[in-house]
Amino acid sequence: MESTLVILKPDATIRSFVGAYTIKAILDQGYKITAFKLVQVTDKLAEKHYEEHAGKPFFNWLIAYIKAAPVVALRVEGENVIQGVRRLLGATLAQKADPETIRGKYGIWGGINVAHASDSPATAERELTLWSTKAGLKKNGQEKAEEYAGLQCFTKDNTKKLREVCKNLTERKNNVEDARELIKRLLTEENPSAPPHYISNLTEVIIQNCLLS
């Protein structure tokens, strides 16, 4: 039996139907979610989680992204769960992921890709220890996960429109203000009850993701 850390990133929690779909997809595979925690990530936790990328050009962007809104941290257990969850998520770059995977369905662009999942047993052990000690991830699990999945209401799926905006911005690197306003509107349509500052934060990391590509 293996355990892995899965983090529903801000694009999955703000677009709440995406987070609900991801949890349901994990449970439908027969895996157990044995710990569930809503976390507003601090600088210290983010930097420790991504320490292997320190000094790389995209490091500061990773920190801004994971702090853009509260995330959901999960401990997921099951046979071969580490690779199983990664297959379920799909390729890292959202626009290149198989359409049948979670990222292929709902990833927006590049690294704005719904969720993180540990990539090896050693990484899983390190990450689960980190998030248990620094974020309070405790075994309290399946019921909370099922409740979260069940409470998230589907409103409108603007994934295709968001990808088109990102594709144009990545290729042309212009009309940034127009792209910013359109992304904000599309995200708000998906979840009208999302706090505006979280929408703004996510919009900025999406814009920067496109400009860095």
N, C-alpha and C. Protein backbone atom coordinates (compact mmCIF):
# COMPACT_ATOMS: atom_id res chain seq x y z
N MET A 1 0.85 -1.20 0.00
CA MET A 1 0.00 0.00 0.00
C MET A 1 0.88 1.24 0.00
N GLU A 2 0.63 2.15 -0.93
CA GLU A 2 1.39 3.39 -1.03
C GLU A 2 0.54 4.58 -0.57
N SER A 3 1.25 5.66 -0.24
CA SER A 3 0.60 6.93 0.05
C SER A 3 1.24 8.02 -0.80
N THR A 4 0.45 8.99 -1.19
CA THR A 4 0.97 10.11 -1.98
C THR A 4 0.32 11.39 -1.53
N LEU A 5 1.00 12.51 -1.79
CA LEU A 5 0.42 13.83 -1.53
C LEU A 5 -0.18 14.36 -2.83
N VAL A 6 -1.42 14.80 -2.76
CA VAL A 6 -2.06 15.48 -3.88
C VAL A 6 -2.48 16.86 -3.38
N ILE A 7 -2.19 17.89 -4.16
CA ILE A 7 -2.60 19.25 -3.82
C ILE A 7 -3.49 19.78 -4.93
N LEU A 8 -4.72 20.13 -4.58
CA LEU A 8 -5.58 20.83 -5.53
C LEU A 8 -5.14 22.29 -5.53
N LYS A 9 -4.59 22.72 -6.65
CA LYS A 9 -4.01 24.06 -6.75
C LYS A 9 -5.10 25.13 -6.84
N PRO A 10 -4.72 26.41 -6.75
CA PRO A 10 -5.73 27.47 -6.74
C PRO A 10 -6.69 27.46 -7.92
N ASP A 11 -6.24 27.03 -9.11
CA ASP A 11 -7.18 26.98 -10.23
C ASP A 11 -8.25 25.92 -10.02
N ALA A 12 -7.95 24.89 -9.23
CA ALA A 12 -8.95 23.85 -8.93
C ALA A 12 -9.87 24.25 -7.80
N THR A 13 -9.37 25.05 -6.84
CA THR A 13 -10.22 25.45 -5.72
C THR A 13 -11.10 26.65 -6.07
N ILE A 14 -10.56 27.60 -6.83
CA ILE A 14 -11.37 28.73 -7.28
C ILE A 14 -12.43 28.24 -8.27
N ARG A 15 -12.02 27.43 -9.23
CA ARG A 15 -12.96 26.79 -10.17
C ARG A 15 -13.46 25.54 -9.46
N SER A 16 -14.36 25.72 -8.51
CA SER A 16 -14.63 24.66 -7.53
C SER A 16 -15.13 23.36 -8.16
N PHE A 17 -15.78 23.43 -9.31
CA PHE A 17 -16.23 22.20 -9.95
C PHE A 17 -15.04 21.36 -10.41
N VAL A 18 -13.90 22.00 -10.68
CA VAL A 18 -12.70 21.28 -11.08
C VAL A 18 -12.13 20.50 -9.89
N GLY A 19 -12.09 21.15 -8.74
CA GLY A 19 -11.63 20.46 -7.53
C GLY A 19 -12.53 19.29 -7.18
N ALA A 20 -13.85 19.49 -7.29
CA ALA A 20 -14.80 18.41 -7.00
C ALA A 20 -14.61 17.25 -7.96
N TYR A 21 -14.45 17.56 -9.25
CA TYR A 21 -14.26 16.51 -10.26
C TYR A 21 -12.98 15.72 -9.97
N THR A 22 -11.92 16.42 -9.59
CA THR A 22 -10.64 15.75 -9.33
C THR A 22 -10.75 14.78 -8.17
N ILE A 23 -11.37 15.22 -7.08
CA ILE A 23 -11.54 14.33 -5.93
C ILE A 23 -12.40 13.12 -6.31
N LYS A 24 -13.48 13.37 -7.01
CA LYS A 24 -14.35 12.27 -7.42
C LYS A 24 -13.61 11.28 -8.31
N ALA A 25 -12.78 11.79 -9.23
CA ALA A 25 -12.02 10.91 -10.11
C ALA A 25 -11.05 10.04 -9.33
N ILE A 26 -10.43 10.61 -8.31
CA ILE A 26 -9.52 9.84 -7.46
C ILE A 26 -10.27 8.75 -6.71
N LEU A 27 -11.41 9.09 -6.12
CA LEU A 27 -12.19 8.12 -5.38
C LEU A 27 -12.74 7.03 -6.30
N ASP A 28 -13.11 7.42 -7.51
CA ASP A 28 -13.67 6.45 -8.46
C ASP A 28 -12.64 5.39 -8.88
N GLN A 29 -11.36 5.70 -8.70
CA GLN A 29 -10.31 4.72 -9.00
C GLN A 29 -10.14 3.71 -7.87
N GLY A 30 -10.88 3.90 -6.79
CA GLY A 30 -10.78 2.99 -5.65
C GLY A 30 -9.76 3.39 -4.62
N TYR A 31 -9.12 4.57 -4.81
CA TYR A 31 -8.16 5.05 -3.82
C TYR A 31 -8.89 5.64 -2.62
N LYS A 32 -8.22 5.65 -1.49
CA LYS A 32 -8.79 6.23 -0.28
C LYS A 32 -8.10 7.56 0.02
N ILE A 33 -8.90 8.56 0.35
CA ILE A 33 -8.37 9.85 0.79
C ILE A 33 -8.42 9.85 2.30
N THR A 34 -7.25 9.70 2.92
CA THR A 34 -7.20 9.52 4.36
C THR A 34 -6.87 10.80 5.12
N ALA A 35 -6.57 11.87 4.41
CA ALA A 35 -6.37 13.17 5.05
C ALA A 35 -6.79 14.25 4.07
N PHE A 36 -7.43 15.30 4.60
CA PHE A 36 -7.98 16.39 3.80
C PHE A 36 -7.78 17.67 4.59
N LYS A 37 -7.20 18.70 3.94
CA LYS A 37 -6.98 19.96 4.67
C LYS A 37 -6.99 21.13 3.69
N LEU A 38 -7.82 22.13 3.98
CA LEU A 38 -7.80 23.38 3.24
C LEU A 38 -6.69 24.24 3.83
N VAL A 39 -5.78 24.71 2.98
CA VAL A 39 -4.57 25.38 3.45
C VAL A 39 -4.34 26.67 2.67
N GLN A 40 -4.14 27.78 3.41
CA GLN A 40 -3.60 28.99 2.78
C GLN A 40 -2.08 28.91 2.92
N VAL A 41 -1.41 28.68 1.82
CA VAL A 41 0.02 28.38 1.85
C VAL A 41 0.83 29.63 2.20
N THR A 42 1.79 29.47 3.09
CA THR A 42 2.69 30.56 3.46
C THR A 42 3.93 30.54 2.56
N ASP A 43 4.68 31.64 2.60
CA ASP A 43 5.94 31.69 1.85
C ASP A 43 6.86 30.54 2.27
N LYS A 44 6.95 30.32 3.58
CA LYS A 44 7.86 29.31 4.09
C LYS A 44 7.50 27.91 3.60
N LEU A 45 6.22 27.58 3.65
CA LEU A 45 5.77 26.26 3.18
C LEU A 45 5.98 26.13 1.68
N ALA A 46 5.64 27.17 0.93
CA ALA A 46 5.79 27.12 -0.52
C ALA A 46 7.26 26.95 -0.91
N GLU A 47 8.13 27.71 -0.29
CA GLU A 47 9.55 27.63 -0.62
C GLU A 47 10.13 26.26 -0.27
N LYS A 48 9.68 25.69 0.84
CA LYS A 48 10.15 24.36 1.24
C LYS A 48 9.61 23.30 0.29
N HIS A 49 8.35 23.42 -0.09
CA HIS A 49 7.76 22.44 -1.00
C HIS A 49 8.47 22.43 -2.35
N TYR A 50 8.83 23.62 -2.84
CA TYR A 50 9.44 23.73 -4.16
C TYR A 50 10.95 23.95 -4.09
N GLU A 51 11.59 23.55 -3.00
CA GLU A 51 13.00 23.87 -2.80
C GLU A 51 13.91 23.33 -3.91
N GLU A 52 13.53 22.24 -4.56
CA GLU A 52 14.37 21.70 -5.63
C GLU A 52 14.43 22.64 -6.83
N HIS A 53 13.48 23.58 -6.91
CA HIS A 53 13.45 24.52 -8.03
C HIS A 53 14.02 25.89 -7.67
N ALA A 54 14.53 26.03 -6.45
CA ALA A 54 15.07 27.32 -6.02
C ALA A 54 16.18 27.77 -6.98
N GLY A 55 16.14 29.03 -7.37
CA GLY A 55 17.14 29.58 -8.28
C GLY A 55 16.77 29.49 -9.75
N LYS A 56 15.73 28.71 -10.06
CA LYS A 56 15.30 28.60 -11.45
C LYS A 56 14.43 29.80 -11.83
N PRO A 57 14.37 30.14 -13.12
CA PRO A 57 13.64 31.35 -13.53
C PRO A 57 12.17 31.35 -13.13
N PHE A 58 11.56 30.17 -12.99
CA PHE A 58 10.13 30.11 -12.69
C PHE A 58 9.84 29.89 -11.21
N PHE A 59 10.86 29.92 -10.36
CA PHE A 59 10.66 29.62 -8.94
C PHE A 59 9.69 30.61 -8.29
N ASN A 60 9.91 31.90 -8.49
CA ASN A 60 9.03 32.90 -7.87
C ASN A 60 7.59 32.76 -8.37
N TRP A 61 7.45 32.37 -9.65
CA TRP A 61 6.11 32.16 -10.18
C TRP A 61 5.42 31.00 -9.48
N LEU A 62 6.15 29.90 -9.24
CA LEU A 62 5.58 28.75 -8.53
C LEU A 62 5.06 29.17 -7.15
N ILE A 63 5.84 30.00 -6.46
CA ILE A 63 5.44 30.46 -5.12
C ILE A 63 4.16 31.29 -5.21
N ALA A 64 4.14 32.22 -6.17
CA ALA A 64 2.95 33.07 -6.33
C ALA A 64 1.72 32.24 -6.68
N TYR A 65 1.91 31.25 -7.51
CA TYR A 65 0.80 30.40 -7.96
C TYR A 65 0.17 29.64 -6.79
N ILE A 66 0.97 28.95 -6.01
CA ILE A 66 0.41 28.11 -4.95
C ILE A 66 -0.17 28.94 -3.80
N LYS A 67 0.23 30.24 -3.73
CA LYS A 67 -0.30 31.14 -2.70
C LYS A 67 -1.49 31.95 -3.19
N ALA A 68 -1.88 31.82 -4.45
CA ALA A 68 -2.90 32.69 -5.04
C ALA A 68 -4.25 32.58 -4.35
N ALA A 69 -4.54 31.42 -3.80
CA ALA A 69 -5.80 31.15 -3.09
C ALA A 69 -5.58 29.90 -2.25
N PRO A 70 -6.46 29.62 -1.30
CA PRO A 70 -6.31 28.39 -0.53
C PRO A 70 -6.28 27.15 -1.43
N VAL A 71 -5.46 26.19 -1.05
CA VAL A 71 -5.37 24.92 -1.76
C VAL A 71 -5.97 23.83 -0.88
N VAL A 72 -6.21 22.67 -1.47
CA VAL A 72 -6.66 21.50 -0.70
C VAL A 72 -5.56 20.46 -0.76
N ALA A 73 -5.03 20.10 0.39
CA ALA A 73 -4.01 19.06 0.48
C ALA A 73 -4.66 17.74 0.85
N LEU A 74 -4.26 16.68 0.17
CA LEU A 74 -4.84 15.35 0.36
C LEU A 74 -3.75 14.31 0.55
N ARG A 75 -3.99 13.41 1.46
CA ARG A 75 -3.19 12.18 1.54
C ARG A 75 -4.04 11.10 0.89
N VAL A 76 -3.50 10.51 -0.18
CA VAL A 76 -4.24 9.50 -0.93
C VAL A 76 -3.50 8.17 -0.82
N GLU A 77 -4.24 7.09 -0.54
CA GLU A 77 -3.62 5.80 -0.33
C GLU A 77 -4.23 4.75 -1.25
N GLY A 78 -3.41 3.77 -1.64
CA GLY A 78 -3.89 2.68 -2.48
C GLY A 78 -2.74 1.96 -3.14
N GLU A 79 -3.04 0.88 -3.82
CA GLU A 79 -2.01 0.13 -4.55
C GLU A 79 -1.51 0.95 -5.73
N ASN A 80 -0.18 1.11 -5.81
CA ASN A 80 0.44 1.85 -6.91
C ASN A 80 -0.18 3.23 -7.10
N VAL A 81 -0.53 3.87 -5.99
CA VAL A 81 -1.27 5.12 -6.07
C VAL A 81 -0.44 6.26 -6.63
N ILE A 82 0.88 6.23 -6.42
CA ILE A 82 1.71 7.35 -6.88
C ILE A 82 1.63 7.51 -8.39
N GLN A 83 1.91 6.43 -9.10
CA GLN A 83 1.85 6.51 -10.55
C GLN A 83 0.41 6.52 -11.05
N GLY A 84 -0.48 5.89 -10.30
CA GLY A 84 -1.89 5.87 -10.70
C GLY A 84 -2.49 7.26 -10.73
N VAL A 85 -2.22 8.05 -9.70
CA VAL A 85 -2.75 9.41 -9.66
C VAL A 85 -2.10 10.27 -10.74
N ARG A 86 -0.81 10.07 -10.97
CA ARG A 86 -0.14 10.87 -12.00
C ARG A 86 -0.69 10.55 -13.39
N ARG A 87 -1.01 9.29 -13.63
CA ARG A 87 -1.66 8.95 -14.92
C ARG A 87 -3.03 9.59 -15.02
N LEU A 88 -3.74 9.60 -13.91
CA LEU A 88 -5.08 10.20 -13.88
C LEU A 88 -5.01 11.69 -14.19
N LEU A 89 -3.99 12.36 -13.66
CA LEU A 89 -3.84 13.80 -13.90
C LEU A 89 -3.43 14.09 -15.34
N GLY A 90 -2.50 13.31 -15.89
CA GLY A 90 -2.04 13.55 -17.24
C GLY A 90 -0.76 14.37 -17.28
N ALA A 91 -0.33 14.72 -18.49
CA ALA A 91 0.92 15.43 -18.71
C ALA A 91 0.95 16.77 -17.97
N THR A 92 2.14 17.20 -17.60
CA THR A 92 2.30 18.42 -16.80
C THR A 92 1.73 19.64 -17.49
N LEU A 93 2.05 19.84 -18.76
CA LEU A 93 1.57 21.01 -19.49
C LEU A 93 0.13 20.78 -19.92
N ALA A 94 -0.76 21.61 -19.43
CA ALA A 94 -2.19 21.37 -19.59
C ALA A 94 -2.61 21.20 -21.04
N GLN A 95 -2.09 22.05 -21.93
CA GLN A 95 -2.54 22.00 -23.32
C GLN A 95 -2.02 20.78 -24.07
N LYS A 96 -1.06 20.06 -23.47
CA LYS A 96 -0.50 18.87 -24.10
C LYS A 96 -1.01 17.58 -23.46
N ALA A 97 -1.83 17.71 -22.43
CA ALA A 97 -2.33 16.52 -21.73
C ALA A 97 -3.41 15.84 -22.55
N ASP A 98 -3.47 14.52 -22.44
CA ASP A 98 -4.52 13.75 -23.12
C ASP A 98 -5.89 14.27 -22.70
N PRO A 99 -6.80 14.47 -23.65
CA PRO A 99 -8.12 15.02 -23.32
C PRO A 99 -8.92 14.21 -22.31
N GLU A 100 -8.58 12.94 -22.15
CA GLU A 100 -9.31 12.10 -21.20
C GLU A 100 -8.77 12.21 -19.79
N THR A 101 -7.65 12.89 -19.61
CA THR A 101 -7.09 13.07 -18.27
C THR A 101 -7.68 14.31 -17.62
N ILE A 102 -7.43 14.46 -16.32
CA ILE A 102 -7.95 15.62 -15.59
C ILE A 102 -7.37 16.92 -16.14
N ARG A 103 -6.06 16.95 -16.35
CA ARG A 103 -5.46 18.17 -16.89
C ARG A 103 -5.90 18.41 -18.33
N GLY A 104 -6.10 17.35 -19.07
CA GLY A 104 -6.59 17.50 -20.44
C GLY A 104 -7.98 18.08 -20.49
N LYS A 105 -8.80 17.75 -19.48
CA LYS A 105 -10.16 18.29 -19.43
C LYS A 105 -10.21 19.71 -18.90
N TYR A 106 -9.45 19.97 -17.83
CA TYR A 106 -9.66 21.20 -17.08
C TYR A 106 -8.41 22.05 -16.83
N GLY A 107 -7.22 21.57 -17.19
CA GLY A 107 -6.04 22.41 -17.07
C GLY A 107 -6.17 23.61 -17.98
N ILE A 108 -5.66 24.76 -17.56
CA ILE A 108 -5.85 25.98 -18.35
C ILE A 108 -4.74 26.15 -19.38
N TRP A 109 -3.48 26.21 -18.91
CA TRP A 109 -2.37 26.41 -19.85
C TRP A 109 -1.06 26.19 -19.11
N GLY A 110 -0.13 25.50 -19.76
CA GLY A 110 1.19 25.30 -19.16
C GLY A 110 1.08 24.69 -17.79
N GLY A 111 1.73 25.33 -16.82
CA GLY A 111 1.74 24.82 -15.46
C GLY A 111 0.51 25.13 -14.65
N ILE A 112 -0.46 25.85 -15.22
CA ILE A 112 -1.76 26.06 -14.54
C ILE A 112 -2.57 24.79 -14.80
N ASN A 113 -2.32 23.77 -13.98
CA ASN A 113 -2.66 22.40 -14.36
C ASN A 113 -3.41 21.60 -13.29
N VAL A 114 -4.21 22.28 -12.50
CA VAL A 114 -5.18 21.67 -11.58
C VAL A 114 -4.57 21.14 -10.27
N ALA A 115 -3.54 20.29 -10.36
CA ALA A 115 -3.11 19.60 -9.14
C ALA A 115 -1.63 19.21 -9.20
N HIS A 116 -1.08 19.06 -8.02
CA HIS A 116 0.26 18.48 -7.84
C HIS A 116 0.10 17.08 -7.27
N ALA A 117 0.98 16.18 -7.69
CA ALA A 117 1.02 14.84 -7.09
C ALA A 117 2.47 14.40 -6.99
N SER A 118 2.82 13.79 -5.87
CA SER A 118 4.20 13.31 -5.67
C SER A 118 4.60 12.37 -6.79
N ASP A 119 5.90 12.44 -7.17
CA ASP A 119 6.34 11.67 -8.34
C ASP A 119 7.11 10.39 -8.01
N SER A 120 7.34 10.12 -6.73
CA SER A 120 8.07 8.91 -6.35
C SER A 120 7.81 8.63 -4.87
N PRO A 121 8.10 7.41 -4.41
CA PRO A 121 7.91 7.11 -2.98
C PRO A 121 8.72 8.04 -2.07
N ALA A 122 9.96 8.34 -2.47
CA ALA A 122 10.79 9.22 -1.64
C ALA A 122 10.21 10.63 -1.58
N THR A 123 9.76 11.13 -2.72
CA THR A 123 9.15 12.46 -2.75
C THR A 123 7.87 12.47 -1.94
N ALA A 124 7.06 11.43 -2.07
CA ALA A 124 5.81 11.35 -1.32
C ALA A 124 6.06 11.38 0.19
N GLU A 125 7.05 10.63 0.64
CA GLU A 125 7.37 10.61 2.07
C GLU A 125 7.79 11.99 2.55
N ARG A 126 8.66 12.65 1.77
CA ARG A 126 9.13 13.99 2.16
C ARG A 126 7.98 14.99 2.18
N GLU A 127 7.16 14.97 1.13
CA GLU A 127 6.07 15.94 1.02
C GLU A 127 4.98 15.71 2.06
N LEU A 128 4.64 14.47 2.30
CA LEU A 128 3.62 14.19 3.31
C LEU A 128 4.09 14.60 4.71
N THR A 129 5.36 14.38 4.99
CA THR A 129 5.92 14.82 6.27
C THR A 129 5.89 16.33 6.38
N LEU A 130 6.29 17.02 5.31
CA LEU A 130 6.28 18.48 5.30
C LEU A 130 4.89 19.04 5.53
N TRP A 131 3.92 18.55 4.79
CA TRP A 131 2.57 19.09 4.88
C TRP A 131 1.86 18.65 6.16
N SER A 132 2.29 17.55 6.75
CA SER A 132 1.74 17.15 8.05
C SER A 132 2.25 18.07 9.15
N THR A 133 3.54 18.38 9.12
CA THR A 133 4.14 19.17 10.19
C THR A 133 3.91 20.67 10.02
N LYS A 134 3.92 21.15 8.79
CA LYS A 134 3.84 22.60 8.55
C LYS A 134 2.45 23.09 8.18
N ALA A 135 1.57 22.18 7.72
CA ALA A 135 0.23 22.61 7.31
C ALA A 135 -0.87 21.90 8.07
N GLY A 136 -0.50 20.99 8.97
CA GLY A 136 -1.51 20.32 9.79
C GLY A 136 -2.32 19.27 9.06
N LEU A 137 -1.74 18.67 8.03
CA LEU A 137 -2.44 17.60 7.31
C LEU A 137 -2.45 16.34 8.18
N LYS A 138 -3.61 15.98 8.67
CA LYS A 138 -3.74 14.83 9.56
C LYS A 138 -4.73 13.83 8.97
N LYS A 139 -4.66 12.61 9.43
CA LYS A 139 -5.56 11.57 8.94
C LYS A 139 -6.97 11.82 9.51
N ASN A 140 -7.81 12.37 8.65
CA ASN A 140 -9.16 12.72 9.09
C ASN A 140 -10.19 12.50 7.99
N GLY A 141 -9.81 12.05 6.92
CA GLY A 141 -10.09 11.86 5.59
C GLY A 141 -11.24 11.77 4.70
N GLN A 142 -11.69 10.55 4.45
CA GLN A 142 -12.56 10.27 3.31
C GLN A 142 -13.87 11.04 3.39
N GLU A 143 -14.43 11.13 4.56
CA GLU A 143 -15.73 11.79 4.70
C GLU A 143 -15.64 13.26 4.29
N LYS A 144 -14.57 13.94 4.72
CA LYS A 144 -14.41 15.35 4.36
C LYS A 144 -14.22 15.52 2.86
N ALA A 145 -13.46 14.61 2.26
CA ALA A 145 -13.24 14.67 0.82
C ALA A 145 -14.54 14.48 0.05
N GLU A 146 -15.32 13.49 0.48
CA GLU A 146 -16.59 13.23 -0.19
C GLU A 146 -17.55 14.41 -0.02
N GLU A 147 -17.53 15.02 1.15
CA GLU A 147 -18.37 16.19 1.39
C GLU A 147 -17.96 17.35 0.49
N TYR A 148 -16.66 17.59 0.38
CA TYR A 148 -16.16 18.66 -0.49
C TYR A 148 -16.59 18.43 -1.94
N ALA A 149 -16.41 17.22 -2.41
CA ALA A 149 -16.78 16.89 -3.78
C ALA A 149 -18.27 17.08 -4.01
N GLY A 150 -19.07 16.75 -3.02
CA GLY A 150 -20.51 16.84 -3.18
C GLY A 150 -21.07 18.24 -3.08
N LEU A 151 -20.37 19.14 -2.38
CA LEU A 151 -20.88 20.48 -2.16
C LEU A 151 -20.57 21.45 -3.29
N GLN A 152 -19.57 21.14 -4.10
CA GLN A 152 -19.15 22.08 -5.14
C GLN A 152 -20.15 22.07 -6.30
N CYS A 153 -20.73 23.20 -6.58
CA CYS A 153 -21.77 23.29 -7.60
C CYS A 153 -21.17 23.62 -8.96
N PHE A 154 -21.58 22.89 -9.97
CA PHE A 154 -21.14 23.19 -11.34
C PHE A 154 -21.89 24.42 -11.83
N THR A 155 -21.16 25.37 -12.36
CA THR A 155 -21.79 26.56 -12.93
C THR A 155 -21.55 26.58 -14.44
N LYS A 156 -20.37 26.97 -14.85
CA LYS A 156 -20.07 27.09 -16.27
C LYS A 156 -18.61 26.70 -16.49
N ASP A 157 -18.35 25.91 -17.51
CA ASP A 157 -16.99 25.47 -17.82
C ASP A 157 -16.44 26.32 -18.96
N ASN A 158 -15.50 27.20 -18.63
CA ASN A 158 -14.89 28.08 -19.62
C ASN A 158 -13.47 27.64 -20.00
N THR A 159 -13.15 26.37 -19.79
CA THR A 159 -11.79 25.91 -20.06
C THR A 159 -11.34 26.23 -21.47
N LYS A 160 -12.15 25.92 -22.46
CA LYS A 160 -11.75 26.16 -23.86
C LYS A 160 -11.49 27.63 -24.13
N LYS A 161 -12.34 28.49 -23.60
CA LYS A 161 -12.16 29.93 -23.79
C LYS A 161 -10.91 30.43 -23.09
N LEU A 162 -10.67 29.94 -21.89
CA LEU A 162 -9.46 30.33 -21.16
C LEU A 162 -8.21 29.89 -21.92
N ARG A 163 -8.23 28.69 -22.47
CA ARG A 163 -7.08 28.21 -23.23
C ARG A 163 -6.84 29.06 -24.47
N GLU A 164 -7.90 29.49 -25.12
CA GLU A 164 -7.74 30.30 -26.33
C GLU A 164 -7.09 31.64 -25.99
N VAL A 165 -7.52 32.25 -24.88
CA VAL A 165 -6.90 33.51 -24.44
C VAL A 165 -5.42 33.29 -24.16
N CYS A 166 -5.10 32.20 -23.45
CA CYS A 166 -3.72 31.91 -23.09
C CYS A 166 -2.87 31.60 -24.33
N LYS A 167 -3.43 30.87 -25.25
CA LYS A 167 -2.70 30.54 -26.49
C LYS A 167 -2.33 31.82 -27.24
N ASN A 168 -3.28 32.71 -27.38
CA ASN A 168 -3.03 33.96 -28.08
C ASN A 168 -1.99 34.81 -27.37
N LEU A 169 -2.09 34.88 -26.04
CA LEU A 169 -1.14 35.69 -25.28
C LEU A 169 0.26 35.08 -25.33
N THR A 170 0.35 33.75 -25.25
CA THR A 170 1.65 33.07 -25.31
C THR A 170 2.33 33.31 -26.65
N GLU A 171 1.56 33.24 -27.72
CA GLU A 171 2.14 33.35 -29.07
C GLU A 171 2.50 34.78 -29.43
N ARG A 172 1.70 35.74 -28.94
CA ARG A 172 1.88 37.13 -29.40
C ARG A 172 2.50 38.05 -28.35
N LYS A 173 2.34 37.70 -27.09
CA LYS A 173 2.86 38.50 -25.98
C LYS A 173 2.39 39.95 -26.04
N ASN A 174 1.16 40.16 -26.45
CA ASN A 174 0.61 41.52 -26.50
C ASN A 174 -0.84 41.52 -26.02
N ASN A 175 -1.42 42.71 -26.00
CA ASN A 175 -2.80 42.86 -25.52
C ASN A 175 -2.99 42.25 -24.13
N VAL A 176 -2.01 42.50 -23.27
CA VAL A 176 -2.03 41.89 -21.93
C VAL A 176 -3.23 42.36 -21.12
N GLU A 177 -3.55 43.65 -21.19
CA GLU A 177 -4.66 44.17 -20.40
C GLU A 177 -5.99 43.58 -20.86
N ASP A 178 -6.15 43.43 -22.16
CA ASP A 178 -7.38 42.80 -22.67
C ASP A 178 -7.49 41.36 -22.18
N ALA A 179 -6.36 40.64 -22.23
CA ALA A 179 -6.34 39.26 -21.76
C ALA A 179 -6.66 39.19 -20.27
N ARG A 180 -6.11 40.12 -19.51
CA ARG A 180 -6.34 40.13 -18.06
C ARG A 180 -7.84 40.28 -17.76
N GLU A 181 -8.49 41.23 -18.40
CA GLU A 181 -9.90 41.47 -18.15
C GLU A 181 -10.76 40.28 -18.59
N LEU A 182 -10.40 39.66 -19.70
CA LEU A 182 -11.18 38.52 -20.19
C LEU A 182 -11.02 37.32 -19.27
N ILE A 183 -9.81 37.06 -18.82
CA ILE A 183 -9.58 35.94 -17.90
C ILE A 183 -10.36 36.14 -16.61
N LYS A 184 -10.32 37.35 -16.07
CA LYS A 184 -11.08 37.63 -14.85
C LYS A 184 -12.57 37.36 -15.06
N ARG A 185 -13.09 37.80 -16.19
CA ARG A 185 -14.51 37.60 -16.46
C ARG A 185 -14.86 36.13 -16.59
N LEU A 186 -14.02 35.37 -17.30
CA LEU A 186 -14.28 33.95 -17.49
C LEU A 186 -14.21 33.18 -16.17
N LEU A 187 -13.25 33.51 -15.33
CA LEU A 187 -13.14 32.85 -14.03
C LEU A 187 -14.33 33.19 -13.14
N THR A 188 -14.75 34.44 -13.18
CA THR A 188 -15.89 34.87 -12.36
C THR A 188 -17.17 34.19 -12.82
N GLU A 189 -17.32 34.01 -14.12
CA GLU A 189 -18.50 33.29 -14.64
C GLU A 189 -18.54 31.86 -14.11
N GLU A 190 -17.37 31.24 -13.97
CA GLU A 190 -17.31 29.86 -13.48
C GLU A 190 -17.68 29.76 -12.01
N ASN A 191 -17.30 30.77 -11.23
CA ASN A 191 -17.62 30.74 -9.80
C ASN A 191 -17.90 32.16 -9.33
N PRO A 192 -19.14 32.63 -9.50
CA PRO A 192 -19.48 34.01 -9.13
C PRO A 192 -19.27 34.31 -7.65
N SER A 193 -19.23 33.30 -6.80
CA SER A 193 -19.07 33.53 -5.36
C SER A 193 -17.60 33.55 -4.92
N ALA A 194 -16.68 33.33 -5.83
CA ALA A 194 -15.25 33.35 -5.48
C ALA A 194 -14.84 34.76 -5.06
N PRO A 195 -14.06 34.90 -3.99
CA PRO A 195 -13.60 36.23 -3.58
C PRO A 195 -12.83 36.91 -4.72
N PRO A 196 -13.14 38.17 -5.00
CA PRO A 196 -12.50 38.86 -6.12
C PRO A 196 -10.98 38.90 -6.05
N HIS A 197 -10.41 38.99 -4.83
CA HIS A 197 -8.94 39.05 -4.75
C HIS A 197 -8.31 37.72 -5.13
N TYR A 198 -9.01 36.60 -4.90
CA TYR A 198 -8.49 35.31 -5.35
C TYR A 198 -8.56 35.21 -6.87
N ILE A 199 -9.65 35.72 -7.45
CA ILE A 199 -9.76 35.76 -8.91
C ILE A 199 -8.62 36.59 -9.49
N SER A 200 -8.35 37.73 -8.89
CA SER A 200 -7.27 38.61 -9.38
C SER A 200 -5.91 37.93 -9.24
N ASN A 201 -5.68 37.28 -8.11
CA ASN A 201 -4.41 36.58 -7.91
C ASN A 201 -4.20 35.50 -8.95
N LEU A 202 -5.23 34.69 -9.18
CA LEU A 202 -5.11 33.60 -10.16
C LEU A 202 -4.93 34.17 -11.56
N THR A 203 -5.64 35.24 -11.86
CA THR A 203 -5.48 35.87 -13.18
C THR A 203 -4.04 36.28 -13.41
N GLU A 204 -3.42 36.88 -12.41
CA GLU A 204 -2.03 37.35 -12.57
C GLU A 204 -1.07 36.19 -12.80
N VAL A 205 -1.25 35.08 -12.09
CA VAL A 205 -0.32 33.96 -12.30
C VAL A 205 -0.56 33.31 -13.66
N ILE A 206 -1.81 33.34 -14.14
CA ILE A 206 -2.07 32.84 -15.50
C ILE A 206 -1.37 33.72 -16.53
N ILE A 207 -1.49 35.04 -16.36
CA ILE A 207 -0.84 35.98 -17.29
C ILE A 207 0.68 35.76 -17.29
N GLN A 208 1.28 35.67 -16.11
CA GLN A 208 2.72 35.48 -16.03
C GLN A 208 3.16 34.13 -16.61
N ASN A 209 2.34 33.12 -16.42
CA ASN A 209 2.63 31.81 -17.00
C ASN A 209 2.73 31.91 -18.52
N CYS A 210 1.81 32.66 -19.13
CA CYS A 210 1.83 32.84 -20.58
C CYS A 210 3.03 33.65 -21.04
N LEU A 211 3.35 34.70 -20.31
CA LEU A 211 4.46 35.57 -20.71
C LEU A 211 5.82 34.90 -20.51
N LEU A 212 5.89 33.96 -19.55
CA LEU A 212 7.15 33.23 -19.32
C LEU A 212 7.34 32.08 -20.28
N SER A 213 6.28 31.65 -20.95
CA SER A 213 6.36 30.47 -21.84
C SER A 213 7.21 30.76 -23.06
